[in-house]
Amino acid sequence: NAVTVVDSDPIAQAKKIDKAGLHALHVVDLDGAKSGLAANFKTIL
């Protein structure tokens, strides 16, 4: 209930991280953490 949107386009965000030269990324499916389903699988892919 205390959510702040960082980027409405997480794929663009990942591209920025990649372009900056970072070599690793940590992604969490918060919807999945509650439901037990891969709710954001397409985005993660």
ModelCIF file with pLDDT and N, C-alpha, C, O atoms, coordinates in Angstrom:
data_MODEL
#
_entry.id   MODEL 
#
_entity.id                         1 
_entity.type                       polymer 
_entity.pdbx_number_of_molecules   1 
#
_entity_poly.entity_id                      1 
_entity_poly.type                           'polypeptide(L)' 
_entity_poly.nstd_linkage                   no 
_entity_poly.nstd_monomer                   no 
_entity_poly.pdbx_seq_one_letter_code       NAVTVVDSDPIAQAKKIDKAGLHALHVVDLDGAKSGLAANFKTIL 
_entity_poly.pdbx_seq_one_letter_code_can   NAVTVVDSDPIAQAKKIDKAGLHALHVVDLDGAKSGLAANFKTIL 
_entity_poly.pdbx_strand_id                 A 
#
loop_
_entity_poly_seq.entity_id 
_entity_poly_seq.num 
_entity_poly_seq.mon_id 
_entity_poly_seq.hetero 
1 1  ASN n 
1 2  ALA n 
1 3  VAL n 
1 4  THR n 
1 5  VAL n 
1 6  VAL n 
1 7  ASP n 
1 8  SER n 
1 9  ASP n 
1 10 PRO n 
1 11 ILE n 
1 12 ALA n 
1 13 GLN n 
1 14 ALA n 
1 15 LYS n 
1 16 LYS n 
1 17 ILE n 
1 18 ASP n 
1 19 LYS n 
1 20 ALA n 
1 21 GLY n 
1 22 LEU n 
1 23 HIS n 
1 24 ALA n 
1 25 LEU n 
1 26 HIS n 
1 27 VAL n 
1 28 VAL n 
1 29 ASP n 
1 30 LEU n 
1 31 ASP n 
1 32 GLY n 
1 33 ALA n 
1 34 LYS n 
1 35 SER n 
1 36 GLY n 
1 37 LEU n 
1 38 ALA n 
1 39 ALA n 
1 40 ASN n 
1 41 PHE n 
1 42 LYS n 
1 43 THR n 
1 44 ILE n 
1 45 LEU n 
#
_struct_asym.id          A 
_struct_asym.entity_id   1 
#
loop_
_ma_qa_metric.id 
_ma_qa_metric.mode 
_ma_qa_metric.name 
_ma_qa_metric.software_group_id 
_ma_qa_metric.type 
1 global pLDDT . pLDDT 
2 local  pLDDT . pLDDT 
#
_ma_qa_metric_global.metric_id      1 
_ma_qa_metric_global.metric_value   93.64 
_ma_qa_metric_global.model_id       1 
_ma_qa_metric_global.ordinal_id     1 
#
loop_
_ma_qa_metric_local.label_asym_id 
_ma_qa_metric_local.label_comp_id 
_ma_qa_metric_local.label_seq_id 
_ma_qa_metric_local.metric_id 
_ma_qa_metric_local.metric_value 
_ma_qa_metric_local.model_id 
_ma_qa_metric_local.ordinal_id 
A ASN 1  2 83.00 1 1  
A ALA 2  2 83.00 1 2  
A VAL 3  2 88.00 1 3  
A THR 4  2 89.00 1 4  
A VAL 5  2 92.00 1 5  
A VAL 6  2 92.00 1 6  
A ASP 7  2 94.00 1 7  
A SER 8  2 95.00 1 8  
A ASP 9  2 97.00 1 9  
A PRO 10 2 97.00 1 10 
A ILE 11 2 98.00 1 11 
A ALA 12 2 97.00 1 12 
A GLN 13 2 97.00 1 13 
A ALA 14 2 98.00 1 14 
A LYS 15 2 98.00 1 15 
A LYS 16 2 97.00 1 16 
A ILE 17 2 97.00 1 17 
A ASP 18 2 97.00 1 18 
A LYS 19 2 97.00 1 19 
A ALA 20 2 97.00 1 20 
A GLY 21 2 96.00 1 21 
A LEU 22 2 97.00 1 22 
A HIS 23 2 96.00 1 23 
A ALA 24 2 98.00 1 24 
A LEU 25 2 98.00 1 25 
A HIS 26 2 98.00 1 26 
A VAL 27 2 98.00 1 27 
A VAL 28 2 95.00 1 28 
A ASP 29 2 96.00 1 29 
A LEU 30 2 93.00 1 30 
A ASP 31 2 93.00 1 31 
A GLY 32 2 91.00 1 32 
A ALA 33 2 86.00 1 33 
A LYS 34 2 85.00 1 34 
A SER 35 2 86.00 1 35 
A GLY 36 2 84.00 1 36 
A LEU 37 2 86.00 1 37 
A ALA 38 2 88.00 1 38 
A ALA 39 2 90.00 1 39 
A ASN 40 2 95.00 1 40 
A PHE 41 2 95.00 1 41 
A LYS 42 2 96.00 1 42 
A THR 43 2 97.00 1 43 
A ILE 44 2 97.00 1 44 
A LEU 45 2 97.00 1 45 
#
loop_
_atom_site.group_PDB 
_atom_site.id 
_atom_site.type_symbol 
_atom_site.label_atom_id 
_atom_site.label_alt_id 
_atom_site.label_comp_id 
_atom_site.label_asym_id 
_atom_site.label_entity_id 
_atom_site.label_seq_id 
_atom_site.pdbx_PDB_ins_code 
_atom_site.Cartn_x 
_atom_site.Cartn_y 
_atom_site.Cartn_z 
_atom_site.occupancy 
_atom_site.B_iso_or_equiv 
_atom_site.pdbx_formal_charge 
_atom_site.auth_seq_id 
_atom_site.auth_comp_id 
_atom_site.auth_asym_id 
_atom_site.auth_atom_id 
_atom_site.pdbx_PDB_model_num 
ATOM 1   N N  . ASN A 1 1  ? 0.817  -1.216  0.000   1.00 83.00 ? 1  ASN A N  1 
ATOM 2   C CA . ASN A 1 1  ? 0.000  0.000   0.000   1.00 83.00 ? 1  ASN A CA 1 
ATOM 3   C C  . ASN A 1 1  ? 0.849  1.262   0.000   1.00 83.00 ? 1  ASN A C  1 
ATOM 4   O O  . ASN A 1 1  ? 0.314  2.371   0.010   1.00 83.00 ? 1  ASN A O  1 
ATOM 5   N N  . ALA A 1 2  ? 2.160  1.101   -0.011  1.00 83.00 ? 2  ALA A N  1 
ATOM 6   C CA . ALA A 1 2  ? 3.081  2.248   -0.048  1.00 83.00 ? 2  ALA A CA 1 
ATOM 7   C C  . ALA A 1 2  ? 3.973  2.104   -1.283  1.00 83.00 ? 2  ALA A C  1 
ATOM 8   O O  . ALA A 1 2  ? 5.159  1.791   -1.185  1.00 83.00 ? 2  ALA A O  1 
ATOM 9   N N  . VAL A 1 3  ? 3.360  2.344   -2.454  1.00 88.00 ? 3  VAL A N  1 
ATOM 10  C CA . VAL A 1 3  ? 4.011  2.101   -3.738  1.00 88.00 ? 3  VAL A CA 1 
ATOM 11  C C  . VAL A 1 3  ? 4.417  3.421   -4.393  1.00 88.00 ? 3  VAL A C  1 
ATOM 12  O O  . VAL A 1 3  ? 3.634  4.369   -4.444  1.00 88.00 ? 3  VAL A O  1 
ATOM 13  N N  . THR A 1 4  ? 5.648  3.466   -4.889  1.00 89.00 ? 4  THR A N  1 
ATOM 14  C CA . THR A 1 4  ? 6.113  4.587   -5.701  1.00 89.00 ? 4  THR A CA 1 
ATOM 15  C C  . THR A 1 4  ? 6.539  4.048   -7.052  1.00 89.00 ? 4  THR A C  1 
ATOM 16  O O  . THR A 1 4  ? 7.364  3.137   -7.128  1.00 89.00 ? 4  THR A O  1 
ATOM 17  N N  . VAL A 1 5  ? 5.983  4.603   -8.118  1.00 92.00 ? 5  VAL A N  1 
ATOM 18  C CA . VAL A 1 5  ? 6.375  4.167   -9.465  1.00 92.00 ? 5  VAL A CA 1 
ATOM 19  C C  . VAL A 1 5  ? 7.737  4.763   -9.796  1.00 92.00 ? 5  VAL A C  1 
ATOM 20  O O  . VAL A 1 5  ? 7.934  5.976   -9.727  1.00 92.00 ? 5  VAL A O  1 
ATOM 21  N N  . VAL A 1 6  ? 8.672  3.889   -10.156 1.00 92.00 ? 6  VAL A N  1 
ATOM 22  C CA . VAL A 1 6  ? 10.021 4.324   -10.539 1.00 92.00 ? 6  VAL A CA 1 
ATOM 23  C C  . VAL A 1 6  ? 10.091 4.564   -12.035 1.00 92.00 ? 6  VAL A C  1 
ATOM 24  O O  . VAL A 1 6  ? 10.652 5.561   -12.488 1.00 92.00 ? 6  VAL A O  1 
ATOM 25  N N  . ASP A 1 7  ? 9.515  3.638   -12.806 1.00 94.00 ? 7  ASP A N  1 
ATOM 26  C CA . ASP A 1 7  ? 9.532  3.751   -14.264 1.00 94.00 ? 7  ASP A CA 1 
ATOM 27  C C  . ASP A 1 7  ? 8.353  2.956   -14.813 1.00 94.00 ? 7  ASP A C  1 
ATOM 28  O O  . ASP A 1 7  ? 8.201  1.772   -14.510 1.00 94.00 ? 7  ASP A O  1 
ATOM 29  N N  . SER A 1 8  ? 7.534  3.597   -15.605 1.00 95.00 ? 8  SER A N  1 
ATOM 30  C CA . SER A 1 8  ? 6.387  2.902   -16.190 1.00 95.00 ? 8  SER A CA 1 
ATOM 31  C C  . SER A 1 8  ? 6.821  1.930   -17.278 1.00 95.00 ? 8  SER A C  1 
ATOM 32  O O  . SER A 1 8  ? 6.027  1.107   -17.734 1.00 95.00 ? 8  SER A O  1 
ATOM 33  N N  . ASP A 1 9  ? 8.087  2.025   -17.697 1.00 97.00 ? 9  ASP A N  1 
ATOM 34  C CA . ASP A 1 9  ? 8.630  1.149   -18.738 1.00 97.00 ? 9  ASP A CA 1 
ATOM 35  C C  . ASP A 1 9  ? 9.885  0.453   -18.203 1.00 97.00 ? 9  ASP A C  1 
ATOM 36  O O  . ASP A 1 9  ? 10.994 0.934   -18.434 1.00 97.00 ? 9  ASP A O  1 
ATOM 37  N N  . PRO A 1 10 ? 9.730  -0.672  -17.493 1.00 97.00 ? 10 PRO A N  1 
ATOM 38  C CA . PRO A 1 10 ? 10.878 -1.356  -16.907 1.00 97.00 ? 10 PRO A CA 1 
ATOM 39  C C  . PRO A 1 10 ? 11.865 -1.900  -17.935 1.00 97.00 ? 10 PRO A C  1 
ATOM 40  O O  . PRO A 1 10 ? 13.037 -2.104  -17.619 1.00 97.00 ? 10 PRO A O  1 
ATOM 41  N N  . ILE A 1 11 ? 11.407 -2.134  -19.149 1.00 98.00 ? 11 ILE A N  1 
ATOM 42  C CA . ILE A 1 11 ? 12.323 -2.608  -20.190 1.00 98.00 ? 11 ILE A CA 1 
ATOM 43  C C  . ILE A 1 11 ? 13.284 -1.487  -20.582 1.00 98.00 ? 11 ILE A C  1 
ATOM 44  O O  . ILE A 1 11 ? 14.480 -1.719  -20.764 1.00 98.00 ? 11 ILE A O  1 
ATOM 45  N N  . ALA A 1 12 ? 12.755 -0.276  -20.710 1.00 97.00 ? 12 ALA A N  1 
ATOM 46  C CA . ALA A 1 12 ? 13.614 0.886   -20.981 1.00 97.00 ? 12 ALA A CA 1 
ATOM 47  C C  . ALA A 1 12 ? 14.581 1.118   -19.819 1.00 97.00 ? 12 ALA A C  1 
ATOM 48  O O  . ALA A 1 12 ? 15.734 1.497   -20.022 1.00 97.00 ? 12 ALA A O  1 
ATOM 49  N N  . GLN A 1 13 ? 14.093 0.885   -18.598 1.00 97.00 ? 13 GLN A N  1 
ATOM 50  C CA . GLN A 1 13 ? 14.949 1.024   -17.423 1.00 97.00 ? 13 GLN A CA 1 
ATOM 51  C C  . GLN A 1 13 ? 16.107 0.026   -17.475 1.00 97.00 ? 13 GLN A C  1 
ATOM 52  O O  . GLN A 1 13 ? 17.251 0.374   -17.184 1.00 97.00 ? 13 GLN A O  1 
ATOM 53  N N  . ALA A 1 14 ? 15.797 -1.214  -17.849 1.00 98.00 ? 14 ALA A N  1 
ATOM 54  C CA . ALA A 1 14 ? 16.843 -2.239  -17.967 1.00 98.00 ? 14 ALA A CA 1 
ATOM 55  C C  . ALA A 1 14 ? 17.865 -1.857  -19.044 1.00 98.00 ? 14 ALA A C  1 
ATOM 56  O O  . ALA A 1 14 ? 19.064 -2.081  -18.881 1.00 98.00 ? 14 ALA A O  1 
ATOM 57  N N  . LYS A 1 15 ? 17.379 -1.285  -20.130 1.00 98.00 ? 15 LYS A N  1 
ATOM 58  C CA . LYS A 1 15 ? 18.284 -0.843  -21.200 1.00 98.00 ? 15 LYS A CA 1 
ATOM 59  C C  . LYS A 1 15 ? 19.239 0.240   -20.697 1.00 98.00 ? 15 LYS A C  1 
ATOM 60  O O  . LYS A 1 15 ? 20.420 0.236   -21.043 1.00 98.00 ? 15 LYS A O  1 
ATOM 61  N N  . LYS A 1 16 ? 18.735 1.160   -19.886 1.00 97.00 ? 16 LYS A N  1 
ATOM 62  C CA . LYS A 1 16 ? 19.580 2.219   -19.322 1.00 97.00 ? 16 LYS A CA 1 
ATOM 63  C C  . LYS A 1 16 ? 20.664 1.623   -18.429 1.00 97.00 ? 16 LYS A C  1 
ATOM 64  O O  . LYS A 1 16 ? 21.820 2.044   -18.468 1.00 97.00 ? 16 LYS A O  1 
ATOM 65  N N  . ILE A 1 17 ? 20.272 0.641   -17.630 1.00 97.00 ? 17 ILE A N  1 
ATOM 66  C CA . ILE A 1 17 ? 21.230 -0.014  -16.736 1.00 97.00 ? 17 ILE A CA 1 
ATOM 67  C C  . ILE A 1 17 ? 22.301 -0.731  -17.556 1.00 97.00 ? 17 ILE A C  1 
ATOM 68  O O  . ILE A 1 17 ? 23.485 -0.690  -17.222 1.00 97.00 ? 17 ILE A O  1 
ATOM 69  N N  . ASP A 1 18 ? 21.873 -1.380  -18.620 1.00 97.00 ? 18 ASP A N  1 
ATOM 70  C CA . ASP A 1 18 ? 22.800 -2.079  -19.508 1.00 97.00 ? 18 ASP A CA 1 
ATOM 71  C C  . ASP A 1 18 ? 23.752 -1.089  -20.185 1.00 97.00 ? 18 ASP A C  1 
ATOM 72  O O  . ASP A 1 18 ? 24.960 -1.320  -20.236 1.00 97.00 ? 18 ASP A O  1 
ATOM 73  N N  . LYS A 1 19 ? 23.208 0.000   -20.696 1.00 97.00 ? 19 LYS A N  1 
ATOM 74  C CA . LYS A 1 19 ? 24.006 1.007   -21.403 1.00 97.00 ? 19 LYS A CA 1 
ATOM 75  C C  . LYS A 1 19 ? 24.999 1.677   -20.469 1.00 97.00 ? 19 LYS A C  1 
ATOM 76  O O  . LYS A 1 19 ? 26.076 2.091   -20.900 1.00 97.00 ? 19 LYS A O  1 
ATOM 77  N N  . ALA A 1 20 ? 24.649 1.787   -19.193 1.00 97.00 ? 20 ALA A N  1 
ATOM 78  C CA . ALA A 1 20 ? 25.535 2.425   -18.216 1.00 97.00 ? 20 ALA A CA 1 
ATOM 79  C C  . ALA A 1 20 ? 26.760 1.568   -17.914 1.00 97.00 ? 20 ALA A C  1 
ATOM 80  O O  . ALA A 1 20 ? 27.726 2.049   -17.322 1.00 97.00 ? 20 ALA A O  1 
ATOM 81  N N  . GLY A 1 21 ? 26.721 0.297   -18.319 1.00 96.00 ? 21 GLY A N  1 
ATOM 82  C CA . GLY A 1 21 ? 27.876 -0.571  -18.106 1.00 96.00 ? 21 GLY A CA 1 
ATOM 83  C C  . GLY A 1 21 ? 27.779 -1.460  -16.891 1.00 96.00 ? 21 GLY A C  1 
ATOM 84  O O  . GLY A 1 21 ? 28.775 -2.055  -16.477 1.00 96.00 ? 21 GLY A O  1 
ATOM 85  N N  . LEU A 1 22 ? 26.584 -1.563  -16.306 1.00 97.00 ? 22 LEU A N  1 
ATOM 86  C CA . LEU A 1 22 ? 26.398 -2.474  -15.170 1.00 97.00 ? 22 LEU A CA 1 
ATOM 87  C C  . LEU A 1 22 ? 26.259 -3.899  -15.708 1.00 97.00 ? 22 LEU A C  1 
ATOM 88  O O  . LEU A 1 22 ? 25.665 -4.119  -16.764 1.00 97.00 ? 22 LEU A O  1 
ATOM 89  N N  . HIS A 1 23 ? 26.808 -4.851  -14.979 1.00 96.00 ? 23 HIS A N  1 
ATOM 90  C CA . HIS A 1 23 ? 26.894 -6.218  -15.489 1.00 96.00 ? 23 HIS A CA 1 
ATOM 91  C C  . HIS A 1 23 ? 25.915 -7.180  -14.841 1.00 96.00 ? 23 HIS A C  1 
ATOM 92  O O  . HIS A 1 23 ? 25.931 -8.373  -15.145 1.00 96.00 ? 23 HIS A O  1 
ATOM 93  N N  . ALA A 1 24 ? 25.053 -6.679  -13.946 1.00 98.00 ? 24 ALA A N  1 
ATOM 94  C CA . ALA A 1 24 ? 24.122 -7.570  -13.254 1.00 98.00 ? 24 ALA A CA 1 
ATOM 95  C C  . ALA A 1 24 ? 22.839 -6.820  -12.934 1.00 98.00 ? 24 ALA A C  1 
ATOM 96  O O  . ALA A 1 24 ? 22.837 -5.597  -12.801 1.00 98.00 ? 24 ALA A O  1 
ATOM 97  N N  . LEU A 1 25 ? 21.741 -7.573  -12.810 1.00 98.00 ? 25 LEU A N  1 
ATOM 98  C CA . LEU A 1 25 ? 20.434 -6.973  -12.555 1.00 98.00 ? 25 LEU A CA 1 
ATOM 99  C C  . LEU A 1 25 ? 19.603 -7.923  -11.690 1.00 98.00 ? 25 LEU A C  1 
ATOM 100 O O  . LEU A 1 25 ? 19.595 -9.137  -11.894 1.00 98.00 ? 25 LEU A O  1 
ATOM 101 N N  . HIS A 1 26 ? 18.905 -7.331  -10.721 1.00 98.00 ? 26 HIS A N  1 
ATOM 102 C CA . HIS A 1 26 ? 18.069 -8.067  -9.773  1.00 98.00 ? 26 HIS A CA 1 
ATOM 103 C C  . HIS A 1 26 ? 16.621 -7.672  -10.037 1.00 98.00 ? 26 HIS A C  1 
ATOM 104 O O  . HIS A 1 26 ? 16.258 -6.503  -9.899  1.00 98.00 ? 26 HIS A O  1 
ATOM 105 N N  . VAL A 1 27 ? 15.785 -8.653  -10.421 1.00 98.00 ? 27 VAL A N  1 
ATOM 106 C CA . VAL A 1 27 ? 14.386 -8.371  -10.749 1.00 98.00 ? 27 VAL A CA 1 
ATOM 107 C C  . VAL A 1 27 ? 13.475 -9.172  -9.828  1.00 98.00 ? 27 VAL A C  1 
ATOM 108 O O  . VAL A 1 27 ? 13.688 -10.364 -9.609  1.00 98.00 ? 27 VAL A O  1 
ATOM 109 N N  . VAL A 1 28 ? 12.453 -8.499  -9.290  1.00 95.00 ? 28 VAL A N  1 
ATOM 110 C CA . VAL A 1 28 ? 11.481 -9.169  -8.415  1.00 95.00 ? 28 VAL A CA 1 
ATOM 111 C C  . VAL A 1 28 ? 10.077 -8.966  -8.978  1.00 95.00 ? 28 VAL A C  1 
ATOM 112 O O  . VAL A 1 28 ? 9.677  -7.849  -9.306  1.00 95.00 ? 28 VAL A O  1 
ATOM 113 N N  . ASP A 1 29 ? 9.348  -10.058 -9.083  1.00 96.00 ? 29 ASP A N  1 
ATOM 114 C CA . ASP A 1 29 ? 7.941  -10.030 -9.490  1.00 96.00 ? 29 ASP A CA 1 
ATOM 115 C C  . ASP A 1 29 ? 7.098  -9.894  -8.220  1.00 96.00 ? 29 ASP A C  1 
ATOM 116 O O  . ASP A 1 29 ? 6.796  -10.889 -7.562  1.00 96.00 ? 29 ASP A O  1 
ATOM 117 N N  . LEU A 1 30 ? 6.724  -8.668  -7.884  1.00 93.00 ? 30 LEU A N  1 
ATOM 118 C CA . LEU A 1 30 ? 5.969  -8.429  -6.646  1.00 93.00 ? 30 LEU A CA 1 
ATOM 119 C C  . LEU A 1 30 ? 4.560  -9.017  -6.722  1.00 93.00 ? 30 LEU A C  1 
ATOM 120 O O  . LEU A 1 30 ? 4.029  -9.491  -5.718  1.00 93.00 ? 30 LEU A O  1 
ATOM 121 N N  . ASP A 1 31 ? 3.962  -8.987  -7.902  1.00 93.00 ? 31 ASP A N  1 
ATOM 122 C CA . ASP A 1 31 ? 2.654  -9.634  -8.059  1.00 93.00 ? 31 ASP A CA 1 
ATOM 123 C C  . ASP A 1 31 ? 2.791  -11.131 -7.790  1.00 93.00 ? 31 ASP A C  1 
ATOM 124 O O  . ASP A 1 31 ? 1.952  -11.735 -7.122  1.00 93.00 ? 31 ASP A O  1 
ATOM 125 N N  . GLY A 1 32 ? 3.857  -11.714 -8.318  1.00 91.00 ? 32 GLY A N  1 
ATOM 126 C CA . GLY A 1 32 ? 4.114  -13.131 -8.117  1.00 91.00 ? 32 GLY A CA 1 
ATOM 127 C C  . GLY A 1 32 ? 4.365  -13.493 -6.670  1.00 91.00 ? 32 GLY A C  1 
ATOM 128 O O  . GLY A 1 32 ? 3.982  -14.571 -6.212  1.00 91.00 ? 32 GLY A O  1 
ATOM 129 N N  . ALA A 1 33 ? 5.016  -12.579 -5.943  1.00 86.00 ? 33 ALA A N  1 
ATOM 130 C CA . ALA A 1 33 ? 5.306  -12.846 -4.532  1.00 86.00 ? 33 ALA A CA 1 
ATOM 131 C C  . ALA A 1 33 ? 4.026  -13.045 -3.735  1.00 86.00 ? 33 ALA A C  1 
ATOM 132 O O  . ALA A 1 33 ? 4.013  -13.787 -2.753  1.00 86.00 ? 33 ALA A O  1 
ATOM 133 N N  . LYS A 1 34 ? 2.952  -12.386 -4.154  1.00 85.00 ? 34 LYS A N  1 
ATOM 134 C CA . LYS A 1 34 ? 1.668  -12.545 -3.470  1.00 85.00 ? 34 LYS A CA 1 
ATOM 135 C C  . LYS A 1 34 ? 0.865  -13.717 -4.023  1.00 85.00 ? 34 LYS A C  1 
ATOM 136 O O  . LYS A 1 34 ? 0.215  -14.442 -3.269  1.00 85.00 ? 34 LYS A O  1 
ATOM 137 N N  . SER A 1 35 ? 0.912  -13.899 -5.335  1.00 86.00 ? 35 SER A N  1 
ATOM 138 C CA . SER A 1 35 ? 0.025  -14.876 -5.975  1.00 86.00 ? 35 SER A CA 1 
ATOM 139 C C  . SER A 1 35 ? 0.651  -16.254 -6.163  1.00 86.00 ? 35 SER A C  1 
ATOM 140 O O  . SER A 1 35 ? -0.062 -17.249 -6.292  1.00 86.00 ? 35 SER A O  1 
ATOM 141 N N  . GLY A 1 36 ? 1.993  -16.315 -6.179  1.00 84.00 ? 36 GLY A N  1 
ATOM 142 C CA . GLY A 1 36 ? 2.656  -17.575 -6.466  1.00 84.00 ? 36 GLY A CA 1 
ATOM 143 C C  . GLY A 1 36 ? 2.664  -17.911 -7.951  1.00 84.00 ? 36 GLY A C  1 
ATOM 144 O O  . GLY A 1 36 ? 2.995  -19.035 -8.330  1.00 84.00 ? 36 GLY A O  1 
ATOM 145 N N  . LEU A 1 37 ? 2.302  -16.947 -8.796  1.00 86.00 ? 37 LEU A N  1 
ATOM 146 C CA . LEU A 1 37 ? 2.285  -17.123 -10.240 1.00 86.00 ? 37 LEU A CA 1 
ATOM 147 C C  . LEU A 1 37 ? 3.319  -16.193 -10.879 1.00 86.00 ? 37 LEU A C  1 
ATOM 148 O O  . LEU A 1 37 ? 3.674  -15.163 -10.306 1.00 86.00 ? 37 LEU A O  1 
ATOM 149 N N  . ALA A 1 38 ? 3.792  -16.559 -12.058 1.00 88.00 ? 38 ALA A N  1 
ATOM 150 C CA . ALA A 1 38 ? 4.759  -15.715 -12.766 1.00 88.00 ? 38 ALA A CA 1 
ATOM 151 C C  . ALA A 1 38 ? 4.001  -14.601 -13.486 1.00 88.00 ? 38 ALA A C  1 
ATOM 152 O O  . ALA A 1 38 ? 3.900  -14.586 -14.712 1.00 88.00 ? 38 ALA A O  1 
ATOM 153 N N  . ALA A 1 39 ? 3.479  -13.685 -12.701 1.00 90.00 ? 39 ALA A N  1 
ATOM 154 C CA . ALA A 1 39 ? 2.548  -12.675 -13.212 1.00 90.00 ? 39 ALA A CA 1 
ATOM 155 C C  . ALA A 1 39 ? 3.194  -11.723 -14.213 1.00 90.00 ? 39 ALA A C  1 
ATOM 156 O O  . ALA A 1 39 ? 2.531  -11.249 -15.136 1.00 90.00 ? 39 ALA A O  1 
ATOM 157 N N  . ASN A 1 40 ? 4.472  -11.445 -14.036 1.00 95.00 ? 40 ASN A N  1 
ATOM 158 C CA . ASN A 1 40 ? 5.167  -10.493 -14.913 1.00 95.00 ? 40 ASN A CA 1 
ATOM 159 C C  . ASN A 1 40 ? 6.169  -11.192 -15.825 1.00 95.00 ? 40 ASN A C  1 
ATOM 160 O O  . ASN A 1 40 ? 7.178  -10.602 -16.213 1.00 95.00 ? 40 ASN A O  1 
ATOM 161 N N  . PHE A 1 41 ? 5.891  -12.446 -16.165 1.00 95.00 ? 41 PHE A N  1 
ATOM 162 C CA . PHE A 1 41 ? 6.860  -13.229 -16.938 1.00 95.00 ? 41 PHE A CA 1 
ATOM 163 C C  . PHE A 1 41 ? 7.186  -12.581 -18.286 1.00 95.00 ? 41 PHE A C  1 
ATOM 164 O O  . PHE A 1 41 ? 8.350  -12.545 -18.686 1.00 95.00 ? 41 PHE A O  1 
ATOM 165 N N  . LYS A 1 42 ? 6.175  -12.071 -18.985 1.00 96.00 ? 42 LYS A N  1 
ATOM 166 C CA . LYS A 1 42 ? 6.422  -11.473 -20.310 1.00 96.00 ? 42 LYS A CA 1 
ATOM 167 C C  . LYS A 1 42 ? 7.357  -10.267 -20.195 1.00 96.00 ? 42 LYS A C  1 
ATOM 168 O O  . LYS A 1 42 ? 8.239  -10.068 -21.030 1.00 96.00 ? 42 LYS A O  1 
ATOM 169 N N  . THR A 1 43 ? 7.147  -9.470  -19.149 1.00 97.00 ? 43 THR A N  1 
ATOM 170 C CA . THR A 1 43 ? 8.017  -8.312  -18.933 1.00 97.00 ? 43 THR A CA 1 
ATOM 171 C C  . THR A 1 43 ? 9.437  -8.763  -18.607 1.00 97.00 ? 43 THR A C  1 
ATOM 172 O O  . THR A 1 43 ? 10.409 -8.189  -19.099 1.00 97.00 ? 43 THR A O  1 
ATOM 173 N N  . ILE A 1 44 ? 9.548  -9.791  -17.777 1.00 97.00 ? 44 ILE A N  1 
ATOM 174 C CA . ILE A 1 44 ? 10.864 -10.311 -17.410 1.00 97.00 ? 44 ILE A CA 1 
ATOM 175 C C  . ILE A 1 44 ? 11.571 -10.886 -18.637 1.00 97.00 ? 44 ILE A C  1 
ATOM 176 O O  . ILE A 1 44 ? 12.779 -10.714 -18.798 1.00 97.00 ? 44 ILE A O  1 
ATOM 177 N N  . LEU A 1 45 ? 10.830 -11.555 -19.486 1.00 97.00 ? 45 LEU A N  1 
ATOM 178 C CA . LEU A 1 45 ? 11.401 -12.101 -20.716 1.00 97.00 ? 45 LEU A CA 1 
ATOM 179 C C  . LEU A 1 45 ? 11.931 -10.965 -21.610 1.00 97.00 ? 45 LEU A C  1 
ATOM 180 O O  . LEU A 1 45 ? 12.451 -11.226 -22.695 1.00 97.00 ? 45 LEU A O  1 
#
